[in-house]
Every structure is written in C-alpha cells, then in structure tokens.
C-alpha cells in the first residue's frame, strides 16, 4: 500500500484551550517519508518538531510535543483525525503554541480532511507489526496499555471516574473507518471542581462552555460558582442540580456510551413514531421486515429489539425464534408490539421467547418505561456476571438465556484451564468459542458491559482470591499461577479490584477458621466498576 498525503491544503482557526489566544493552523501536503511535522511560524526561524512519541513532553490536559525550548500542545485531535484518514505525510504550520481547540472534538479536522481529499504517493508505507503481547503499566495510577497481535485494527478503552455524574466510561472502535462517526465527535471534558486549579496552572485559559463538556458533580455554593465564572471570564450560570452544564447539549443523553435500539416494523410511520420515543437517548435503527431485522440484529447487536408481528417476508414470531436460538443474539431482549391481542397470540409470543408483549394502540410512555425496566434488569445481571466471573455463582438459568449460560460456562472453563498463561488473550478465547474477534468482543460486552480483557482480568483476580484463601502459596506464586507476571502489577490490580492488598485480603478473611480452608464460594470481586450503560 502506498503512502498518502493531503490532495489540497486546509486551515482551521480558533481559541487555544490553554492560552486563550486566537490561533490558526494550516495543514499542507508533504512529500514521501515526511511524516507528521508541526512548524511554529510565530517563532524566529520557524522551528519544526516531528510528531514522534520520543518528543512527547507531557499529557496533562492534552498531548504536548517539544524539542528544546519549542513546544506545541493540544495536538491529539488533529493527530487522531490524520491517522484515522490514513494520511502519512503532512506539514502543520501553526502561529501559536497550540492547535486550536475548536469545539473540543476531532470532528472538524475529519470534515476538513474529507473536503481537501487524499492523494496517493509513490513510496510504499512502512508498518510496525505486533508479533507478541506488549503491556505497559504505570504503578502509580494503575493505568495499563495492552497491545495484542490481530489481523484487524481495534481499540478498547475503559476509564474509571470517582464521580456520581460521570460513570465509568467505555469506548471502542473495531474499524478505523468508523472513527469519524463513532469517536471524532466526542469532546474534551472538565469537572467544575477542577477549573480553578487548572486556570491557576495556565492549562485552560481558552476553555468555555462552548468547547467542552462541563461536569458539575459536587455541590458548591452559588457564590463559589460565580467566582469560578469570573476566573474563567464567562457569564454567571445558576446551577441547581448535579449534571452537565455546558452550553451545547450532549450529542446523546450519555455521549460516551449510548444504547442501541432496533425497531422492526413494516409501516414506516409507525416505525418512525416508535423511534421518536427513544430518539433522545438511543441510537435507533429501523428494519422493515423480520428478515432484515435478523440481519440488523446480527450486524449491530442492539440492546433491545422492538418488533411488530405481522410483516412481509418473515413474521415477528419467526424472527424472534431465530434471534433467541442464535448464540450471537440470544441475549437481546425482544419486545413484541402488535395489534394481535388474543390470549393465544400472547402465549405464542412468550413461548417463543418474547421478553414483553404489548398491544397496539400503545401508550408511548408505558413503552418507554417498560424498555427502561428491561435495560435496568440487564444492568443488574451484567454487574452480577462481572462480580462472579469465573466462579460457580454465574446467574441461574431463569435469569439468563440457556445459550448465554452455556457460553459463559465454556468461557470460564477454558479460562480456568489456561489461567496461568500470561499470553491468554481475546483472540484465543474468541477462537476457542467459535467467534470472530469482533463478535466475541460484542457478545462479552453485551453480557457483561465490560471488555473481554476486563472480564479475563476479573476471572484471574477471583481465582487469585480463591488461591489466597487456601494459604498454600505465596503471593508471588499466585501472581504467576494466575498469569499476571510481576507481583507488583498483580498487587496493584488486586487492590483496585478488592479495595485491599492481597496480604490484607488474606488477613481480613482468616478471622473465622472456616474462611481459610473453604474455597467453594470465596469472596468475589465486589469493587468492579458499574457497567457503562447506567
């Protein structure tokens, strides 16, 4: 594959997040093997910095690259957009110390790149090929990056926040081509409680309610809020409850993690009406018949399906049966919404696997409440699955579809058989259970609300807790036996999971002699973050 560059130049202009200066950045085509370079046109000699990892100076509130006394900050959105577009060579000329923040996302950079076009060059691309697992951890923060070999590009990210408003956040991308739609619109955010120290540190002089998601998660007096507004140089704003207070509303009710809803209905007006009930809080897809509904369900794995019964090509009953008997989709709740009101129709619907049967005409508020109730039940089940991952306490058959229970049983058996293998990864697990990497990821995410890597980690930790209570092994031996490698990394993850170190965990569970000998139902992970859809 050949290297590429921009077909035509483009520019963006706006405030710098940190300095508050009005800045212009011009993106120019560049020759083969040029890479990404940023030129400071406001400095004498117009120095150039290569956008390489070795020049990353720090990453507090943005990525900063520097060489000597010359630096450029807030480059992350531009870099992500260029990489996602497949561009190899570009020169960025900027007349200030940072790239403009624009609306706080990468979406404008993506739009400008699409308008400018991409041009193929003569030289072949160079590739870095990942041949084995690479893991980098920060023992101070507990942050971990794991890179695994795969045939396709994908990224899974989970971040935990100690906030009643901003829940633990999860994002994923399984095709780089989806970056512009799925990831680029996500914006910079800040907690109100962080504003004053950030301003004093000269980190957000250009921040305002237009270019960031602003999160008010700890109550403050109005006088303190007014003082912060004065510090920021923005109008006073009365805030009466915890939540989001930026000027531009969230793109969705939960911008980082949004429910997916599939409506299967052959009458367009009815389909649009049902979609409108959930439009403000869900990503809604519509299918006009049962056959298309199955295709959409397999492609998107929605959180809930709402379906008519009498439709062309395939009825709602037939579609329901197919969905509930397919391992990839059997976990999806299905609501039948139909004019068929006889008791025998309802019995047939429930016998086929419907989670809810509602008659038309229907009250949209009742439908909305019913779907939310189903989702809430699923969230509780997800939390239970994660808490007890790898143990004998998997949700019972009446709480989970039989195919899903069988899936988890097989998954846990394979993990427990290979738990000491530090190279055990998502690819191996997916292949063992007969899933592609993408479908395996989506299945685990649907059942648990977390990534396969996170679930594997919890299984290892729950097994480690069992081994600790046998009092037969040292902490170092248990670290090796459960595939964690270094004892320090294991201890850090264990403390994050259980709230105490492995040594303290053992001490806390040996006051009763029975606790030190029985491992049939040991304490399991109870400090795992809530699932993202809350």
Protein backbone atom coordinates (compact mmCIF):
# COMPACT_ATOMS: atom_id res chain seq x y z
CA UNK A 1 0.00 0.00 0.00
CA UNK A 2 1.29 3.45 -0.93
CA UNK A 3 1.86 6.41 1.35
CA UNK A 4 -0.65 9.25 1.17
CA UNK A 5 -0.86 12.99 1.78
CA UNK A 6 -3.49 15.71 1.51
CA UNK A 7 -4.67 16.50 -2.00
CA UNK A 8 -5.11 20.17 -1.07
CA UNK A 9 -4.23 22.36 1.95
CA UNK A 10 -6.77 23.44 4.55
CA UNK A 11 -6.74 25.57 7.68
CA UNK A 12 -8.58 25.82 10.99
CA UNK A 13 -8.66 28.74 13.39
CA UNK A 14 -9.97 29.41 16.88
CA UNK A 15 -9.04 29.72 20.52
CA UNK A 16 -6.26 27.74 22.11
CA UNK A 17 -7.54 25.73 25.07
CA UNK A 18 -4.60 26.54 27.31
CA UNK A 19 -3.56 30.04 26.23
CA UNK A 20 -6.89 31.52 25.14
CA UNK A 21 -5.07 33.02 22.11
CA UNK A 22 -6.69 33.13 18.67
CA UNK A 23 -4.62 30.70 16.62
CA UNK A 24 -4.57 29.49 13.02
CA UNK A 25 -3.22 26.12 11.93
CA UNK A 26 -2.60 25.34 8.26
CA UNK A 27 -2.38 21.72 7.09
CA UNK A 28 -0.26 21.27 3.95
CA UNK A 29 0.53 18.35 1.62
CA UNK A 30 4.01 16.93 2.24
CA UNK A 31 6.43 14.73 0.27
CA UNK A 32 7.02 10.99 0.68
CA UNK A 33 8.54 9.88 4.01
CA UNK A 34 7.92 13.31 5.54
CA UNK A 35 5.66 12.07 8.35
CA UNK A 36 3.74 14.49 10.56
CA UNK A 37 5.62 17.70 11.40
CA UNK A 38 4.47 20.90 13.12
CA UNK A 39 6.10 24.24 12.34
CA UNK A 40 5.86 27.20 14.75
CA UNK A 41 5.56 30.17 12.36
CA UNK A 42 5.31 32.63 15.26
CA UNK A 43 8.87 31.95 16.43
CA UNK A 44 12.15 33.12 14.97
CA UNK A 45 13.48 30.67 12.42
CA UNK A 46 10.09 28.92 12.27
CA UNK A 47 11.33 25.74 14.03
CA UNK A 48 9.85 22.33 13.16
CA UNK A 49 9.01 19.50 15.55
CA UNK A 50 8.49 15.91 14.37
CA UNK A 51 5.32 14.38 15.79
CA UNK A 52 7.03 11.36 17.31
CA UNK A 53 6.48 9.62 20.64
CA UNK A 54 10.05 10.45 21.71
CA UNK A 55 9.15 14.16 21.65
CA UNK A 56 6.02 13.88 23.82
CA UNK A 57 6.78 16.15 26.78
CA UNK A 58 3.64 15.58 28.83
CA UNK A 59 -0.03 14.64 28.50
CA UNK A 60 -1.79 16.66 31.20
CA UNK A 61 -4.99 18.08 29.67
CA UNK A 62 -3.68 17.39 26.17
CA UNK A 63 -0.69 15.99 24.31
CA UNK A 64 2.37 18.25 24.17
CA UNK A 65 5.40 17.66 21.94
CA UNK A 66 8.63 19.58 22.48
CA UNK A 67 12.21 19.89 21.25
CA UNK A 68 14.42 22.13 23.33
CA UNK A 69 12.51 25.29 24.21
CA UNK A 70 9.97 24.85 21.41
CA UNK A 71 6.67 23.09 22.11
CA UNK A 72 3.19 22.63 20.67
CA UNK A 73 0.24 21.42 22.72
CA UNK A 74 -3.30 20.09 22.20
CA UNK A 75 -2.27 18.13 19.11
CA UNK A 76 -4.29 14.99 19.92
CA UNK A 77 -7.46 15.71 17.93
CA UNK A 78 -5.57 16.65 14.77
CA UNK A 79 -3.25 13.62 15.06
CA UNK A 80 -6.16 11.23 15.56
CA UNK A 81 -8.05 12.60 12.55
CA UNK A 82 -4.99 12.38 10.28
CA UNK A 83 -4.18 8.83 11.37
CA UNK A 84 -7.78 7.66 11.01
CA UNK A 85 -7.85 9.08 7.47
CA UNK A 86 -4.77 7.02 6.60
CA UNK A 87 -2.62 10.07 5.88
CA UNK A 88 1.14 9.52 6.25
CA UNK A 89 2.67 12.88 5.36
CA UNK A 90 1.56 16.39 6.32
CA UNK A 91 3.12 19.67 7.44
CA UNK A 92 1.15 21.67 10.01
CA UNK A 93 2.04 25.38 10.23
CA UNK A 94 0.70 27.00 13.39
CA UNK A 95 1.09 30.61 14.55
CA UNK A 96 0.93 29.85 18.26
CA UNK A 97 1.92 27.36 20.96
CA UNK A 98 -1.03 25.02 20.42
CA UNK A 99 -3.54 23.69 17.91
CA UNK A 100 -6.97 25.42 18.18
CA UNK A 101 -9.42 23.52 20.39
CA UNK A 102 -12.40 24.27 18.06
CA UNK A 103 -15.49 22.56 19.57
CA UNK A 104 -13.40 20.29 21.79
CA UNK A 105 -13.52 17.31 19.42
CA UNK A 106 -11.80 15.94 16.31
CA UNK A 107 -14.87 16.23 14.09
CA UNK A 108 -13.88 19.48 12.33
CA UNK A 109 -10.46 18.07 11.45
CA UNK A 110 -12.16 15.00 9.94
CA UNK A 111 -14.51 17.19 7.93
CA UNK A 112 -11.67 19.35 6.61
CA UNK A 113 -9.62 16.31 5.61
CA UNK A 114 -12.58 14.88 3.70
CA UNK A 115 -13.06 18.20 1.88
CA UNK A 116 -9.36 18.50 1.00
CA UNK A 117 -9.11 14.95 -0.30
CA UNK A 118 -6.31 12.38 -0.05
CA UNK A 119 -3.62 11.77 -2.64
CA UNK A 120 -1.62 8.56 -3.12
CA UNK A 121 2.16 8.88 -3.31
CA UNK A 122 4.90 6.77 -4.91
CA UNK A 123 6.52 5.22 -1.84
CA UNK A 124 5.23 2.15 -0.02
CA UNK A 125 4.01 2.55 3.56
CA UNK A 126 6.08 1.17 6.43
CA UNK A 127 4.31 -0.98 9.01
CA UNK A 128 5.05 -1.89 12.60
CA UNK A 129 3.86 -5.46 13.06
CA UNK A 130 2.88 -6.59 16.55
CA UNK A 131 4.02 -10.19 16.92
CA UNK A 132 3.51 -10.72 20.64
CA UNK A 133 1.69 -9.21 23.58
CA UNK A 134 3.07 -5.86 24.73
CA UNK A 135 1.98 -4.46 28.11
CA UNK A 136 2.93 -1.17 29.72
CA UNK A 137 1.71 -0.23 33.20
CA UNK A 138 2.01 2.81 35.45
CA UNK A 139 2.21 1.52 39.04
CA UNK A 140 1.33 4.96 40.44
CA UNK A 141 -2.00 5.32 38.63
CA UNK A 142 -2.75 1.70 37.82
CA UNK A 143 -3.14 2.64 34.14
CA UNK A 144 -2.35 -0.15 31.70
CA UNK A 145 -1.98 -0.35 27.93
CA UNK A 146 -2.03 -3.80 26.35
CA UNK A 147 -1.22 -4.33 22.66
CA UNK A 148 -2.11 -7.70 21.13
CA UNK A 149 -1.45 -9.22 17.70
CA UNK A 150 -4.50 -9.26 15.45
CA UNK A 151 -5.42 -9.29 11.78
CA UNK A 152 -7.59 -6.19 12.16
CA UNK A 153 -7.32 -2.81 13.87
CA UNK A 154 -9.35 -2.28 17.04
CA UNK A 155 -9.09 -0.27 20.24
CA UNK A 156 -10.93 -0.78 23.54
CA UNK A 157 -10.67 1.85 26.27
CA UNK A 158 -12.16 1.93 29.76
CA UNK A 159 -11.65 4.79 32.21
CA UNK A 160 -12.86 4.89 35.81
CA UNK A 161 -14.01 8.14 37.43
CA UNK A 162 -14.82 8.82 41.05
CA UNK A 163 -17.91 10.83 40.16
CA UNK A 164 -21.66 10.42 40.71
CA UNK A 165 -22.34 12.10 37.36
CA UNK A 166 -19.65 10.74 35.04
CA UNK A 167 -19.86 6.99 35.29
CA UNK A 168 -17.07 4.64 34.28
CA UNK A 169 -16.61 5.28 30.60
CA UNK A 170 -16.07 2.76 27.83
CA UNK A 171 -15.31 3.34 24.18
CA UNK A 172 -14.35 1.02 21.37
CA UNK A 173 -13.66 1.09 17.68
CA UNK A 174 -13.37 -2.05 15.58
CA UNK A 175 -12.72 -0.42 12.20
CA UNK A 176 -10.59 2.70 11.76
CA UNK A 177 -13.00 3.81 9.03
CA UNK A 178 -15.63 4.37 11.74
CA UNK A 179 -13.54 6.95 13.60
CA UNK A 180 -15.22 9.98 12.03
CA UNK A 181 -18.69 8.82 13.04
CA UNK A 182 -18.11 6.92 16.28
CA UNK A 183 -15.18 8.62 18.04
CA UNK A 184 -14.36 12.01 16.47
CA UNK A 185 -17.44 13.87 17.86
CA UNK A 186 -16.50 13.02 21.47
CA UNK A 187 -15.43 16.20 23.26
CA UNK A 188 -12.96 17.35 25.85
CA UNK A 189 -14.48 17.44 29.34
CA UNK A 190 -13.72 19.05 32.67
CA UNK A 191 -15.13 18.84 36.19
CA UNK A 192 -16.25 22.15 37.70
CA UNK A 193 -14.20 21.34 40.82
CA UNK A 194 -11.04 21.22 38.65
CA UNK A 195 -11.46 24.59 36.96
CA UNK A 196 -9.78 26.93 39.43
CA UNK A 197 -6.55 24.88 39.87
CA UNK A 198 -6.38 24.32 36.10
CA UNK A 199 -6.70 28.04 35.41
CA UNK A 200 -4.04 28.81 38.00
CA UNK A 201 -1.80 26.26 36.27
CA UNK A 202 -2.41 28.07 32.93
CA UNK A 203 -3.98 24.96 31.45
CA UNK A 204 -7.46 26.08 30.33
CA UNK A 205 -7.43 29.83 29.74
CA UNK A 206 -9.32 29.21 26.50
CA UNK A 207 -11.82 26.75 27.93
CA UNK A 208 -15.50 27.72 27.94
CA UNK A 209 -18.98 26.25 27.81
CA UNK A 210 -18.81 26.03 24.00
CA UNK A 211 -15.73 23.82 23.60
CA UNK A 212 -16.03 21.30 26.41
CA UNK A 213 -18.39 19.04 28.30
CA UNK A 214 -18.54 20.64 31.76
CA UNK A 215 -19.49 18.32 34.61
CA UNK A 216 -20.90 19.59 37.91
CA UNK A 217 -20.62 16.58 40.23
CA UNK A 218 -20.03 18.05 43.69
CA UNK A 219 -22.30 20.68 45.18
CA UNK A 220 -20.94 24.23 45.53
CA UNK A 221 -22.50 27.46 46.72
CA UNK A 222 -23.67 29.89 44.03
CA UNK A 223 -21.07 32.44 45.21
CA UNK A 224 -18.29 29.91 44.57
CA UNK A 225 -19.71 29.11 41.14
CA UNK A 226 -19.90 32.82 40.31
CA UNK A 227 -16.27 33.21 41.37
CA UNK A 228 -15.24 30.38 39.04
CA UNK A 229 -17.17 32.02 36.20
CA UNK A 230 -15.27 35.26 36.86
CA UNK A 231 -11.97 33.38 36.87
CA UNK A 232 -12.89 31.85 33.50
CA UNK A 233 -14.24 35.11 32.13
CA UNK A 234 -17.62 33.58 31.27
CA UNK A 235 -21.17 34.66 32.25
CA UNK A 236 -22.56 33.56 35.61
CA UNK A 237 -24.76 30.47 35.46
CA UNK A 238 -27.20 29.25 38.08
CA UNK A 239 -26.84 25.52 38.66
CA UNK A 240 -29.41 23.83 40.89
CA UNK A 241 -28.56 20.16 40.43
CA UNK A 242 -25.67 17.89 39.58
CA UNK A 243 -25.15 17.12 35.89
CA UNK A 244 -23.80 18.61 32.68
CA UNK A 245 -23.78 22.40 32.36
CA UNK A 246 -22.08 23.12 29.03
CA UNK A 247 -23.83 25.45 26.57
CA UNK A 248 -24.12 22.85 23.79
CA UNK A 249 -26.06 19.79 24.97
CA UNK A 250 -24.59 16.32 24.90
CA UNK A 251 -24.76 14.68 21.48
CA UNK A 252 -26.68 11.90 23.25
CA UNK A 253 -28.01 11.52 26.79
CA UNK A 254 -24.82 9.61 27.54
CA UNK A 255 -22.29 10.83 24.99
CA UNK A 256 -19.56 8.24 25.68
CA UNK A 257 -21.81 5.18 25.88
CA UNK A 258 -25.18 5.03 24.21
CA UNK A 259 -27.91 2.39 23.96
CA UNK A 260 -28.68 0.81 20.59
CA UNK A 261 -32.30 0.10 19.69
CA UNK A 262 -33.64 -1.86 16.71
CA UNK A 263 -37.22 -1.23 15.57
CA UNK A 264 -38.65 -3.89 13.22
CA UNK A 265 -41.87 -2.54 11.70
CA UNK A 266 -43.18 -2.65 8.11
CA UNK A 267 -45.26 0.53 8.40
CA UNK A 268 -42.90 3.49 8.02
CA UNK A 269 -45.00 5.98 10.00
CA UNK A 270 -45.32 3.60 12.94
CA UNK A 271 -41.60 2.78 12.83
CA UNK A 272 -40.72 6.48 12.90
CA UNK A 273 -43.10 7.07 15.80
CA UNK A 274 -41.59 4.26 17.87
CA UNK A 275 -38.10 5.56 17.06
CA UNK A 276 -39.10 9.05 18.20
CA UNK A 277 -39.95 7.72 21.67
CA UNK A 278 -36.28 6.83 22.19
CA UNK A 279 -34.50 9.22 19.80
CA UNK A 280 -33.05 11.48 22.50
CA UNK A 281 -31.33 8.65 24.36
CA UNK A 282 -30.67 5.83 21.93
CA UNK A 283 -29.15 5.14 18.56
CA UNK A 284 -32.20 3.78 16.70
CA UNK A 285 -32.06 1.56 13.61
CA UNK A 286 -35.19 0.61 11.64
CA UNK A 287 -35.85 -2.59 9.68
CA UNK A 288 -38.96 -3.04 7.54
CA UNK A 289 -39.38 -6.81 7.92
CA UNK A 290 -38.26 -9.76 10.01
CA UNK A 291 -35.60 -10.92 7.54
CA UNK A 292 -33.93 -7.52 7.54
CA UNK A 293 -34.41 -7.40 11.31
CA UNK A 294 -32.29 -10.53 11.75
CA UNK A 295 -29.57 -9.08 9.52
CA UNK A 296 -29.53 -5.83 11.51
CA UNK A 297 -29.54 -7.70 14.81
CA UNK A 298 -26.51 -9.75 13.75
CA UNK A 299 -24.66 -6.70 12.44
CA UNK A 300 -25.34 -4.30 15.31
CA UNK A 301 -26.24 -6.41 18.35
CA UNK A 302 -28.71 -3.84 19.70
CA UNK A 303 -29.52 -3.56 23.38
CA UNK A 304 -33.26 -4.06 22.73
CA UNK A 305 -35.42 -5.04 19.75
CA UNK A 306 -39.00 -3.75 19.38
CA UNK A 307 -40.86 -5.67 16.69
CA UNK A 308 -44.23 -5.92 15.02
CA UNK A 309 -45.63 -9.43 14.47
CA UNK A 310 -47.43 -9.35 11.10
CA UNK A 311 -44.82 -8.34 8.49
CA UNK A 312 -43.86 -9.38 4.95
CA UNK A 313 -41.09 -11.93 4.21
CA UNK A 314 -40.84 -13.06 7.84
CA UNK A 315 -43.20 -12.61 10.79
CA UNK A 316 -42.16 -11.25 14.15
CA UNK A 317 -42.61 -14.72 15.67
CA UNK A 318 -40.22 -16.28 13.15
CA UNK A 319 -37.67 -13.53 13.64
CA UNK A 320 -37.94 -13.86 17.42
CA UNK A 321 -37.36 -17.62 17.26
CA UNK A 322 -34.28 -17.16 15.07
CA UNK A 323 -32.82 -14.48 17.34
CA UNK A 324 -33.37 -16.44 20.55
CA UNK A 325 -31.79 -19.59 19.08
CA UNK A 326 -28.68 -17.91 17.70
CA UNK A 327 -25.73 -17.77 20.17
CA UNK A 328 -24.65 -14.34 18.94
CA UNK A 329 -28.08 -12.73 19.53
CA UNK A 330 -29.92 -14.85 22.12
CA UNK A 331 -29.16 -12.32 24.89
CA UNK A 332 -31.03 -9.46 23.17
CA UNK A 333 -34.39 -8.63 24.80
CA UNK A 334 -37.26 -8.55 22.30
CA UNK A 335 -40.49 -6.59 22.78
CA UNK A 336 -43.38 -7.63 20.53
CA UNK A 337 -45.59 -4.63 19.78
CA UNK A 338 -48.62 -5.75 17.82
CA UNK A 339 -52.35 -5.41 17.16
CA UNK A 340 -52.75 -9.17 17.74
CA UNK A 341 -54.44 -9.09 21.15
CA UNK A 342 -55.83 -12.61 21.65
CA UNK A 343 -54.52 -14.56 24.61
CA UNK A 344 -53.28 -17.36 22.34
CA UNK A 345 -51.18 -14.78 20.41
CA UNK A 346 -49.63 -13.54 23.63
CA UNK A 347 -48.91 -17.10 24.78
CA UNK A 348 -47.25 -17.87 21.46
CA UNK A 349 -45.12 -14.73 21.79
CA UNK A 350 -43.92 -15.55 25.29
CA UNK A 351 -43.38 -19.24 24.45
CA UNK A 352 -41.22 -18.19 21.51
CA UNK A 353 -39.04 -16.06 23.80
CA UNK A 354 -40.53 -12.56 23.91
CA UNK A 355 -39.42 -10.52 26.92
CA UNK A 356 -42.54 -8.36 26.68
CA UNK A 357 -45.76 -8.44 24.64
CA UNK A 358 -47.59 -5.11 24.17
CA UNK A 359 -50.74 -4.40 22.24
CA UNK A 360 -51.34 -1.64 19.69
CA UNK A 361 -52.51 1.04 20.12
CA UNK A 362 -49.99 1.68 22.90
CA UNK A 363 -49.05 4.46 25.29
CA UNK A 364 -45.53 5.66 24.35
CA UNK A 365 -44.75 6.48 27.98
CA UNK A 366 -45.61 2.92 29.02
CA UNK A 367 -43.40 1.53 26.24
CA UNK A 368 -40.57 3.83 27.26
CA UNK A 369 -40.89 2.80 30.90
CA UNK A 370 -41.09 -0.90 30.02
CA UNK A 371 -37.94 -0.79 27.89
CA UNK A 372 -36.09 1.12 30.61
CA UNK A 373 -37.16 -1.55 33.11
CA UNK A 374 -35.77 -4.28 30.85
CA UNK A 375 -32.50 -2.38 30.46
CA UNK A 376 -32.22 -1.84 34.22
CA UNK A 377 -32.69 -5.56 34.83
CA UNK A 378 -29.97 -6.30 32.28
CA UNK A 379 -27.59 -3.89 34.01
CA UNK A 380 -28.11 -5.69 37.31
CA UNK A 381 -27.46 -9.01 35.61
CA UNK A 382 -24.31 -7.65 33.93
CA UNK A 383 -22.99 -6.45 37.25
CA UNK A 384 -23.62 -9.86 38.82
CA UNK A 385 -21.89 -11.65 35.93
CA UNK A 386 -18.81 -9.45 36.29
CA UNK A 387 -18.71 -9.74 40.09
CA UNK A 388 -18.76 -13.53 39.96
CA UNK A 389 -16.70 -14.01 36.78
CA UNK A 390 -15.05 -17.43 36.67
CA UNK A 391 -16.77 -18.71 39.83
CA UNK A 392 -19.67 -21.06 40.48
CA UNK A 393 -22.04 -18.15 41.03
CA UNK A 394 -22.97 -17.38 37.42
CA UNK A 395 -26.63 -16.21 37.15
CA UNK A 396 -29.07 -19.10 37.17
CA UNK A 397 -30.90 -20.37 34.11
CA UNK A 398 -34.07 -18.47 34.93
CA UNK A 399 -32.11 -15.20 34.96
CA UNK A 400 -30.18 -15.79 31.73
CA UNK A 401 -30.83 -17.39 28.36
CA UNK A 402 -29.68 -21.04 28.34
CA UNK A 403 -27.37 -20.39 25.37
CA UNK A 404 -25.76 -17.48 27.22
CA UNK A 405 -25.25 -19.57 30.34
CA UNK A 406 -23.69 -22.33 28.25
CA UNK A 407 -21.45 -19.74 26.57
CA UNK A 408 -20.20 -18.38 29.91
CA UNK A 409 -19.70 -21.89 31.31
CA UNK A 410 -17.49 -22.83 28.34
CA UNK A 411 -15.67 -19.50 28.53
CA UNK A 412 -14.89 -19.81 32.24
CA UNK A 413 -13.82 -23.45 31.86
CA UNK A 414 -11.30 -22.53 29.17
CA UNK A 415 -10.01 -19.53 31.16
CA UNK A 416 -9.58 -21.63 34.32
CA UNK A 417 -7.74 -24.33 32.37
CA UNK A 418 -5.32 -21.74 30.98
CA UNK A 419 -5.32 -19.13 33.72
CA UNK A 420 -1.59 -19.39 34.33
CA UNK A 421 -0.85 -18.48 30.70
CA UNK A 422 0.03 -14.78 30.61
CA UNK A 423 -0.35 -14.88 26.80
CA UNK A 424 -4.02 -15.87 27.04
CA UNK A 425 -5.88 -13.14 25.15
CA UNK A 426 -9.10 -12.16 23.43
CA UNK A 427 -8.13 -13.75 20.11
CA UNK A 428 -7.51 -17.16 21.70
CA UNK A 429 -10.74 -17.01 23.70
CA UNK A 430 -12.82 -15.99 20.69
CA UNK A 431 -11.42 -18.75 18.51
CA UNK A 432 -11.99 -21.36 21.22
CA UNK A 433 -15.67 -20.41 21.46
CA UNK A 434 -16.14 -20.15 17.68
CA UNK A 435 -16.48 -16.35 17.45
CA UNK A 436 -14.66 -13.82 15.32
CA UNK A 437 -12.74 -11.26 17.36
CA UNK A 438 -15.34 -8.57 16.69
CA UNK A 439 -18.36 -10.75 17.50
CA UNK A 440 -16.67 -12.15 20.60
CA UNK A 441 -15.96 -8.66 21.86
CA UNK A 442 -19.55 -7.58 21.19
CA UNK A 443 -21.00 -10.70 22.86
CA UNK A 444 -18.94 -10.22 26.02
CA UNK A 445 -19.76 -6.53 26.08
CA UNK A 446 -23.48 -7.28 25.75
CA UNK A 447 -23.47 -9.87 28.55
CA UNK A 448 -21.21 -8.01 30.98
CA UNK A 449 -20.93 -4.35 29.99
CA UNK A 450 -17.12 -4.66 30.04
CA UNK A 451 -14.47 -5.67 27.53
CA UNK A 452 -13.21 -9.26 27.18
CA UNK A 453 -9.84 -8.11 28.54
CA UNK A 454 -11.53 -6.69 31.64
CA UNK A 455 -13.56 -9.87 32.14
CA UNK A 456 -10.43 -12.01 31.80
CA UNK A 457 -8.70 -9.84 34.39
CA UNK A 458 -11.59 -10.28 36.86
CA UNK A 459 -11.54 -14.06 36.33
CA UNK A 460 -7.82 -14.06 37.13
CA UNK A 461 -8.37 -11.93 40.23
CA UNK A 462 -11.27 -14.05 41.51
CA UNK A 463 -9.11 -17.14 41.06
CA UNK A 464 -6.26 -15.39 42.86
CA UNK A 465 -8.61 -14.67 45.77
CA UNK A 466 -9.52 -18.35 45.92
CA UNK A 467 -5.87 -19.37 45.96
CA UNK A 468 -5.03 -16.85 48.66
CA UNK A 469 -7.60 -18.36 51.00
CA UNK A 470 -6.05 -21.82 50.65
CA UNK A 471 -2.92 -20.40 52.38
CA UNK A 472 -0.85 -22.86 50.32
CA UNK A 473 1.00 -20.39 48.08
CA UNK A 474 2.96 -17.16 48.37
CA UNK A 475 1.61 -14.00 46.75
CA UNK A 476 4.37 -14.22 44.15
CA UNK A 477 3.42 -17.80 43.29
CA UNK A 478 -0.25 -16.84 42.98
CA UNK A 479 0.70 -13.97 40.68
CA UNK A 480 2.43 -16.45 38.36
CA UNK A 481 -0.31 -19.08 38.71
CA UNK A 482 -2.98 -16.60 37.56
CA UNK A 483 -0.99 -15.17 34.65
CA UNK A 484 -0.20 -11.69 35.99
CA UNK A 485 3.58 -11.91 35.70
CA UNK A 486 5.08 -9.38 38.10
CA UNK A 487 3.94 -9.38 41.71
CA UNK A 488 3.75 -5.57 41.85
CA UNK A 489 1.39 -5.43 38.86
CA UNK A 490 -0.74 -8.19 40.38
CA UNK A 491 -0.91 -6.42 43.76
CA UNK A 492 -1.92 -3.11 42.17
CA UNK A 493 -4.73 -4.71 40.17
CA UNK A 494 -5.86 -6.77 43.16
CA UNK A 495 -6.12 -3.67 45.34
CA UNK A 496 -8.11 -1.83 42.67
CA UNK A 497 -10.49 -4.79 42.44
CA UNK A 498 -10.98 -5.69 46.11
CA UNK A 499 -10.01 -2.44 47.82
CA UNK A 500 -7.16 -4.04 49.79
CA UNK A 501 -3.78 -5.61 49.04
CA UNK A 502 -3.56 -9.41 48.69
CA UNK A 503 -1.91 -9.61 52.12
CA UNK A 504 -4.65 -7.56 53.80
CA UNK A 505 -7.32 -9.50 51.93
CA UNK A 506 -5.98 -12.72 53.41
CA UNK A 507 -5.84 -11.23 56.90
CA UNK A 508 -9.41 -9.92 56.58
CA UNK A 509 -10.72 -13.39 55.72
CA UNK A 510 -8.91 -15.50 58.30
CA UNK A 511 -10.65 -14.31 61.47
CA UNK A 512 -13.03 -17.26 61.04
CA UNK A 513 -11.07 -20.52 60.66
CA UNK A 514 -13.60 -21.74 58.10
CA UNK A 515 -12.64 -18.87 55.80
CA UNK A 516 -9.06 -20.04 55.48
CA UNK A 517 -9.90 -23.56 54.39
CA UNK A 518 -13.03 -23.36 52.26
CA UNK A 519 -12.81 -22.09 48.67
CA UNK A 520 -16.11 -23.42 47.41
CA UNK A 521 -17.74 -19.97 47.42
CA UNK A 522 -14.97 -17.46 48.27
CA UNK A 523 -15.50 -13.70 48.34
CA UNK A 524 -15.56 -12.47 44.77
CA UNK A 525 -14.79 -9.16 43.11
CA UNK A 526 -17.19 -6.63 44.57
CA UNK A 527 -15.36 -3.45 43.66
CA UNK A 528 -15.60 -3.71 39.90
CA UNK A 529 -16.92 -0.53 38.26
CA UNK A 530 -20.58 -0.38 37.26
CA UNK A 531 -21.26 -1.19 33.65
CA UNK A 532 -21.04 1.81 31.28
CA UNK A 533 -24.75 1.95 30.41
CA UNK A 534 -26.09 3.49 33.63
